[in-house]
């Protein structure tokens, strides 16, 4: 339970990896509304 423990959050930060304990930053621009197109 420290820097050497890969399953802990601190160990993942130290090693630079991601997983269930350390999720990547969620992308907030996944549901961006598109510009309305004019119908002719």
PDB file of N, CA and C in Angstrom:
ATOM      1  N   UNK A   1       0.834  -1.176   0.000  1.00  0.00           N
ATOM      2  CA  UNK A   1       0.000   0.000   0.000  1.00  0.00           C
ATOM      3  C   UNK A   1       0.885   1.249   0.000  1.00  0.00           C
ATOM      4  N   UNK A   2       1.507   1.468  -1.116  1.00  0.00           N
ATOM      5  CA  UNK A   2       2.360   2.649  -1.244  1.00  0.00           C
ATOM      6  C   UNK A   2       2.736   2.858  -2.693  1.00  0.00           C
ATOM      7  N   UNK A   3       3.866   3.472  -2.911  1.00  0.00           N
ATOM      8  CA  UNK A   3       4.293   3.762  -4.282  1.00  0.00           C
ATOM      9  C   UNK A   3       4.557   2.503  -5.085  1.00  0.00           C
ATOM     10  N   UNK A   4       5.005   1.444  -4.443  1.00  0.00           N
ATOM     11  CA  UNK A   4       5.320   0.216  -5.164  1.00  0.00           C
ATOM     12  C   UNK A   4       4.107  -0.635  -5.480  1.00  0.00           C
ATOM     13  N   UNK A   5       2.986  -0.353  -4.820  1.00  0.00           N
ATOM     14  CA  UNK A   5       1.772  -1.154  -5.012  1.00  0.00           C
ATOM     15  C   UNK A   5       1.042  -0.659  -6.255  1.00  0.00           C
ATOM     16  N   UNK A   6       1.020  -1.485  -7.293  1.00  0.00           N
ATOM     17  CA  UNK A   6       0.421  -1.075  -8.564  1.00  0.00           C
ATOM     18  C   UNK A   6      -1.099  -0.980  -8.466  1.00  0.00           C
ATOM     19  N   UNK A   7      -1.706  -1.714  -7.522  1.00  0.00           N
ATOM     20  CA  UNK A   7      -3.163  -1.715  -7.421  1.00  0.00           C
ATOM     21  C   UNK A   7      -3.699  -0.505  -6.664  1.00  0.00           C
ATOM     22  N   UNK A   8      -2.830   0.240  -5.991  1.00  0.00           N
ATOM     23  CA  UNK A   8      -3.292   1.417  -5.263  1.00  0.00           C
ATOM     24  C   UNK A   8      -3.209   2.653  -6.156  1.00  0.00           C
ATOM     25  N   UNK A   9      -3.970   3.669  -5.795  1.00  0.00           N
ATOM     26  CA  UNK A   9      -3.998   4.903  -6.589  1.00  0.00           C
ATOM     27  C   UNK A   9      -2.636   5.572  -6.581  1.00  0.00           C
ATOM     28  N   UNK A  10      -1.988   5.601  -5.415  1.00  0.00           N
ATOM     29  CA  UNK A  10      -0.677   6.249  -5.304  1.00  0.00           C
ATOM     30  C   UNK A  10       0.354   5.518  -6.162  1.00  0.00           C
ATOM     31  N   UNK A  11       0.269   4.206  -6.206  1.00  0.00           N
ATOM     32  CA  UNK A  11       1.207   3.447  -7.027  1.00  0.00           C
ATOM     33  C   UNK A  11       1.011   3.703  -8.508  1.00  0.00           C
ATOM     34  N   UNK A  12      -0.228   3.910  -8.906  1.00  0.00           N
ATOM     35  CA  UNK A  12      -0.504   4.186 -10.311  1.00  0.00           C
ATOM     36  C   UNK A  12      -0.029   5.582 -10.699  1.00  0.00           C
ATOM     37  N   UNK A  13      -0.182   6.553  -9.784  1.00  0.00           N
ATOM     38  CA  UNK A  13       0.320   7.899 -10.046  1.00  0.00           C
ATOM     39  C   UNK A  13       1.841   7.851 -10.172  1.00  0.00           C
ATOM     40  N   UNK A  14       2.488   7.116  -9.280  1.00  0.00           N
ATOM     41  CA  UNK A  14       3.945   7.011  -9.271  1.00  0.00           C
ATOM     42  C   UNK A  14       4.456   6.340 -10.539  1.00  0.00           C
ATOM     43  N   UNK A  15       3.721   5.326 -10.987  1.00  0.00           N
ATOM     44  CA  UNK A  15       4.157   4.588 -12.170  1.00  0.00           C
ATOM     45  C   UNK A  15       3.695   5.242 -13.462  1.00  0.00           C
ATOM     46  N   UNK A  16       2.631   6.043 -13.388  1.00  0.00           N
ATOM     47  CA  UNK A  16       2.117   6.734 -14.564  1.00  0.00           C
ATOM     48  C   UNK A  16       1.140   5.897 -15.363  1.00  0.00           C
ATOM     49  N   UNK A  17       0.465   4.968 -14.679  1.00  0.00           N
ATOM     50  CA  UNK A  17      -0.507   4.129 -15.376  1.00  0.00           C
ATOM     51  C   UNK A  17      -1.913   4.464 -14.897  1.00  0.00           C
ATOM     52  N   UNK A  18      -2.899   3.908 -15.578  1.00  0.00           N
ATOM     53  CA  UNK A  18      -4.293   4.170 -15.256  1.00  0.00           C
ATOM     54  C   UNK A  18      -5.017   2.850 -15.042  1.00  0.00           C
ATOM     55  N   UNK A  19      -6.205   2.925 -14.424  1.00  0.00           N
ATOM     56  CA  UNK A  19      -7.009   1.731 -14.187  1.00  0.00           C
ATOM     57  C   UNK A  19      -8.266   2.106 -13.435  1.00  0.00           C
ATOM     58  N   UNK A  20      -8.860   1.124 -12.732  1.00  0.00           N
ATOM     59  CA  UNK A  20     -10.093   1.380 -11.990  1.00  0.00           C
ATOM     60  C   UNK A  20      -9.869   2.327 -10.824  1.00  0.00           C
ATOM     61  N   UNK A  21      -8.729   2.230 -10.176  1.00  0.00           N
ATOM     62  CA  UNK A  21      -8.436   3.099  -9.029  1.00  0.00           C
ATOM     63  C   UNK A  21      -8.036   4.496  -9.466  1.00  0.00           C
ATOM     64  N   UNK A  22      -7.516   4.629 -10.679  1.00  0.00           N
ATOM     65  CA  UNK A  22      -7.097   5.937 -11.206  1.00  0.00           C
ATOM     66  C   UNK A  22      -7.616   6.080 -12.622  1.00  0.00           C
ATOM     67  N   UNK A  23      -8.782   6.662 -12.729  1.00  0.00           N
ATOM     68  CA  UNK A  23      -9.413   6.833 -14.037  1.00  0.00           C
ATOM     69  C   UNK A  23      -8.761   8.000 -14.766  1.00  0.00           C
ATOM     70  N   UNK A  24      -8.823   7.953 -16.081  1.00  0.00           N
ATOM     71  CA  UNK A  24      -8.353   9.087 -16.874  1.00  0.00           C
ATOM     72  C   UNK A  24      -9.369  10.206 -16.771  1.00  0.00           C
ATOM     73  N   UNK A  25      -8.944  11.423 -17.071  1.00  0.00           N
ATOM     74  CA  UNK A  25      -9.836  12.574 -16.988  1.00  0.00           C
ATOM     75  C   UNK A  25     -10.965  12.400 -18.000  1.00  0.00           C
ATOM     76  N   UNK A  26     -12.185  12.483 -17.529  1.00  0.00           N
ATOM     77  CA  UNK A  26     -13.337  12.285 -18.406  1.00  0.00           C
ATOM     78  C   UNK A  26     -13.452  13.430 -19.391  1.00  0.00           C
ATOM     79  N   UNK A  27     -13.738  13.089 -20.643  1.00  0.00           N
ATOM     80  CA  UNK A  27     -13.889  14.101 -21.679  1.00  0.00           C
ATOM     81  C   UNK A  27     -15.295  14.677 -21.590  1.00  0.00           C
ATOM     82  N   UNK A  28     -15.403  15.957 -21.239  1.00  0.00           N
ATOM     83  CA  UNK A  28     -16.709  16.570 -21.037  1.00  0.00           C
ATOM     84  C   UNK A  28     -17.379  16.957 -22.346  1.00  0.00           C
ATOM     85  N   UNK A  29     -16.621  17.030 -23.440  1.00  0.00           N
ATOM     86  CA  UNK A  29     -17.191  17.464 -24.711  1.00  0.00           C
ATOM     87  C   UNK A  29     -17.655  16.280 -25.553  1.00  0.00           C
ATOM     88  N   UNK A  30     -18.213  15.262 -24.899  1.00  0.00           N
ATOM     89  CA  UNK A  30     -18.684  14.101 -25.646  1.00  0.00           C
ATOM     90  C   UNK A  30     -20.079  14.341 -26.217  1.00  0.00           C
ATOM     91  N   UNK A  31     -20.881  15.168 -25.551  1.00  0.00           N
ATOM     92  CA  UNK A  31     -22.249  15.397 -25.993  1.00  0.00           C
ATOM     93  C   UNK A  31     -22.448  16.862 -26.361  1.00  0.00           C
ATOM     94  N   UNK A  32     -21.668  17.322 -27.332  1.00  0.00           N
ATOM     95  CA  UNK A  32     -21.784  18.713 -27.745  1.00  0.00           C
ATOM     96  C   UNK A  32     -22.892  18.856 -28.778  1.00  0.00           C
ATOM     97  N   UNK A  33     -23.784  19.816 -28.603  1.00  0.00           N
ATOM     98  CA  UNK A  33     -24.854  20.002 -29.585  1.00  0.00           C
ATOM     99  C   UNK A  33     -24.299  20.569 -30.889  1.00  0.00           C
ATOM    100  N   UNK A  34     -24.785  20.019 -31.991  1.00  0.00           N
ATOM    101  CA  UNK A  34     -24.316  20.475 -33.304  1.00  0.00           C
ATOM    102  C   UNK A  34     -25.114  21.702 -33.720  1.00  0.00           C
ATOM    103  N   UNK A  35     -24.524  22.489 -34.621  1.00  0.00           N
ATOM    104  CA  UNK A  35     -25.207  23.678 -35.109  1.00  0.00           C
ATOM    105  C   UNK A  35     -26.445  23.258 -35.915  1.00  0.00           C
ATOM    106  N   UNK A  36     -27.568  23.936 -35.705  1.00  0.00           N
ATOM    107  CA  UNK A  36     -28.775  23.580 -36.469  1.00  0.00           C
ATOM    108  C   UNK A  36     -28.606  23.922 -37.950  1.00  0.00           C
ATOM    109  N   UNK A  37     -28.950  22.985 -38.779  1.00  0.00           N
ATOM    110  CA  UNK A  37     -28.835  23.210 -40.220  1.00  0.00           C
ATOM    111  C   UNK A  37     -30.184  23.685 -40.764  1.00  0.00           C
ATOM    112  N   UNK A  38     -30.123  24.608 -41.706  1.00  0.00           N
ATOM    113  CA  UNK A  38     -31.351  25.136 -42.288  1.00  0.00           C
ATOM    114  C   UNK A  38     -31.882  24.183 -43.354  1.00  0.00           C
ATOM    115  N   UNK A  39     -33.173  23.948 -43.307  1.00  0.00           N
ATOM    116  CA  UNK A  39     -33.806  23.101 -44.333  1.00  0.00           C
ATOM    117  C   UNK A  39     -34.274  23.963 -45.483  1.00  0.00           C
ATOM    118  N   UNK A  40     -34.067  23.470 -46.697  1.00  0.00           N
ATOM    119  CA  UNK A  40     -34.483  24.227 -47.877  1.00  0.00           C
ATOM    120  C   UNK A  40     -35.737  23.639 -48.482  1.00  0.00           C
TER     121      UNK A  40
END
